[in-house]
Amino acid sequence: MAMAHIRTFATLALVVTAFTGRVLDEGNGHVLEGVHVRAEGPTTTEATTDRDGRFALTKLKPGPYTVTADSDEVPMQAFHVTLTPVRPTYFEMKVCSTRYDAHCGPPPRGLPY
C-alpha cells in the first residue's frame, strides 16, 4: 500500500487598510499641492499631495496613527487618527498655510510680523 504524502499549507492573512484624503487651507478651503503627509503608527508610510490636494497612504495595519502634514508653505501639523480594518478612512486635513496666512508659521527671516 502506497502512502500519500499530505502537505498542509497555512495561509496568513494580513489585515491592511488605507488612509486617503485631501489637504486644504484651513482659512479658505483651497487645496494644497506638494504637502508631505506621513503616517506613523503600527506601520509608517508617506505620500505627497497631488495638484488636487489628494493623497493616499496604503497597506497600513489597523491601529492608532499620528499623521503629519508639512511643506515649505505648511508648518508641520499633526492629527491623530485610528484606522480600522472595516473600510478605508477618508479625511480632509485642514491646515494653516503661509501661502494664504502669513501668521501661520514663523516670520520669514528679516521680516517682522
Protein backbone atom coordinates (compact mmCIF):
# COMPACT_ATOMS: atom_id res chain seq x y z
CA MET A 1 0.00 0.00 0.00
CA ALA A 2 1.47 3.32 -1.07
CA MET A 3 1.25 6.13 1.36
CA ALA A 4 0.38 9.56 0.04
CA HIS A 5 2.25 12.49 1.41
CA ILE A 6 -0.10 15.08 2.71
CA ARG A 7 1.10 18.63 2.96
CA THR A 8 -0.65 21.29 4.92
CA PHE A 9 -0.21 24.89 3.92
CA ALA A 10 -1.17 27.64 6.28
CA THR A 11 -2.11 30.98 4.85
CA LEU A 12 -1.56 34.04 6.94
CA ALA A 13 -3.97 36.79 6.05
CA LEU A 14 -2.65 40.23 6.84
CA VAL A 15 -5.31 42.77 7.58
CA VAL A 16 -4.46 46.07 5.93
CA THR A 17 -6.35 49.26 5.34
CA ALA A 18 -5.87 52.62 3.63
CA PHE A 19 -5.97 56.27 4.59
CA THR A 20 -6.85 58.73 1.84
CA GLY A 21 -7.88 62.33 1.77
CA ARG A 22 -7.10 65.89 0.80
CA VAL A 23 -5.08 68.68 2.39
CA LEU A 24 -6.88 72.04 2.44
CA ASP A 25 -6.05 75.50 3.72
CA GLU A 26 -7.99 75.97 6.96
CA GLY A 27 -8.86 79.60 6.20
CA ASN A 28 -10.22 79.45 2.68
CA GLY A 29 -10.53 75.76 1.79
CA HIS A 30 -8.13 75.91 -1.17
CA VAL A 31 -6.41 72.63 -1.98
CA LEU A 32 -2.68 72.45 -1.21
CA GLU A 33 -0.36 70.71 -3.65
CA GLY A 34 3.05 69.31 -2.69
CA VAL A 35 2.33 68.76 1.01
CA HIS A 36 4.24 65.87 2.58
CA VAL A 37 1.83 63.60 4.50
CA ARG A 38 3.34 60.99 6.84
CA ALA A 39 1.57 58.38 8.99
CA GLU A 40 3.38 56.85 11.97
CA GLY A 41 1.83 54.04 13.97
CA PRO A 42 1.78 50.26 13.55
CA THR A 43 3.06 50.99 10.02
CA THR A 44 4.93 54.05 8.76
CA THR A 45 4.38 55.42 5.28
CA GLU A 46 4.27 58.74 3.45
CA ALA A 47 2.94 60.45 0.35
CA THR A 48 2.83 63.88 -1.27
CA THR A 49 -0.38 65.64 -2.25
CA ASP A 50 -1.15 66.00 -5.95
CA ARG A 51 -2.46 69.12 -7.73
CA ASP A 52 -5.92 68.45 -6.28
CA GLY A 53 -4.52 68.21 -2.74
CA ARG A 54 -5.19 64.46 -2.65
CA PHE A 55 -3.01 61.81 -1.02
CA ALA A 56 -3.23 58.05 -0.47
CA LEU A 57 -1.47 56.03 2.20
CA THR A 58 -1.98 52.32 1.58
CA LYS A 59 -1.08 48.97 3.12
CA LEU A 60 -1.46 50.26 6.66
CA LYS A 61 -2.09 47.98 9.60
CA PRO A 62 -5.14 48.96 11.67
CA GLY A 63 -4.49 50.97 14.83
CA PRO A 64 -3.70 54.46 16.11
CA TYR A 65 -1.61 56.79 13.95
CA THR A 66 -0.10 60.23 14.18
CA VAL A 67 -0.45 61.82 10.75
CA THR A 68 1.65 64.88 9.98
CA ALA A 69 1.40 67.37 7.12
CA ASP A 70 4.17 69.78 6.16
CA SER A 71 5.82 71.58 3.24
CA ASP A 72 7.70 74.80 2.59
CA GLU A 73 4.38 76.63 2.98
CA VAL A 74 2.81 74.40 5.65
CA PRO A 75 4.48 74.30 9.07
CA MET A 76 4.30 70.75 10.48
CA GLN A 77 0.87 70.00 11.89
CA ALA A 78 -0.22 66.70 13.46
CA PHE A 79 -3.51 64.82 13.57
CA HIS A 80 -4.43 61.65 15.46
CA VAL A 81 -6.36 59.01 13.54
CA THR A 82 -7.38 55.44 14.40
CA LEU A 83 -7.65 53.17 11.38
CA THR A 84 -9.94 50.15 11.39
CA PRO A 85 -9.85 47.10 9.12
CA VAL A 86 -13.50 47.52 8.16
CA ARG A 87 -13.03 50.14 5.44
CA PRO A 88 -10.53 52.75 4.25
CA THR A 89 -10.51 56.05 6.11
CA TYR A 90 -11.04 59.35 4.24
CA PHE A 91 -10.07 62.60 5.93
CA GLU A 92 -9.82 66.22 4.83
CA MET A 93 -6.88 67.72 6.70
CA LYS A 94 -7.40 71.46 7.21
CA VAL A 95 -4.04 73.07 7.84
CA CYS A 96 -2.60 76.53 8.26
CA SER A 97 -0.64 77.54 5.15
CA THR A 98 1.69 80.52 4.82
CA ARG A 99 0.58 80.76 1.18
CA TYR A 100 -2.69 82.27 2.43
CA ASP A 101 -1.89 83.33 6.01
CA ALA A 102 1.45 84.99 6.80
CA HIS A 103 0.84 84.49 10.52
CA CYS A 104 0.68 80.73 10.15
CA GLY A 105 4.33 80.00 10.87
CA PRO A 106 7.47 81.77 11.91
CA PRO A 107 8.07 85.06 10.07
CA PRO A 108 10.45 85.00 7.11
CA ARG A 109 13.99 85.98 8.04
CA GLY A 110 14.40 89.71 8.40
CA LEU A 111 10.67 90.46 8.19
CA PRO A 112 8.82 91.14 11.46
CA TYR A 113 5.12 90.49 11.81
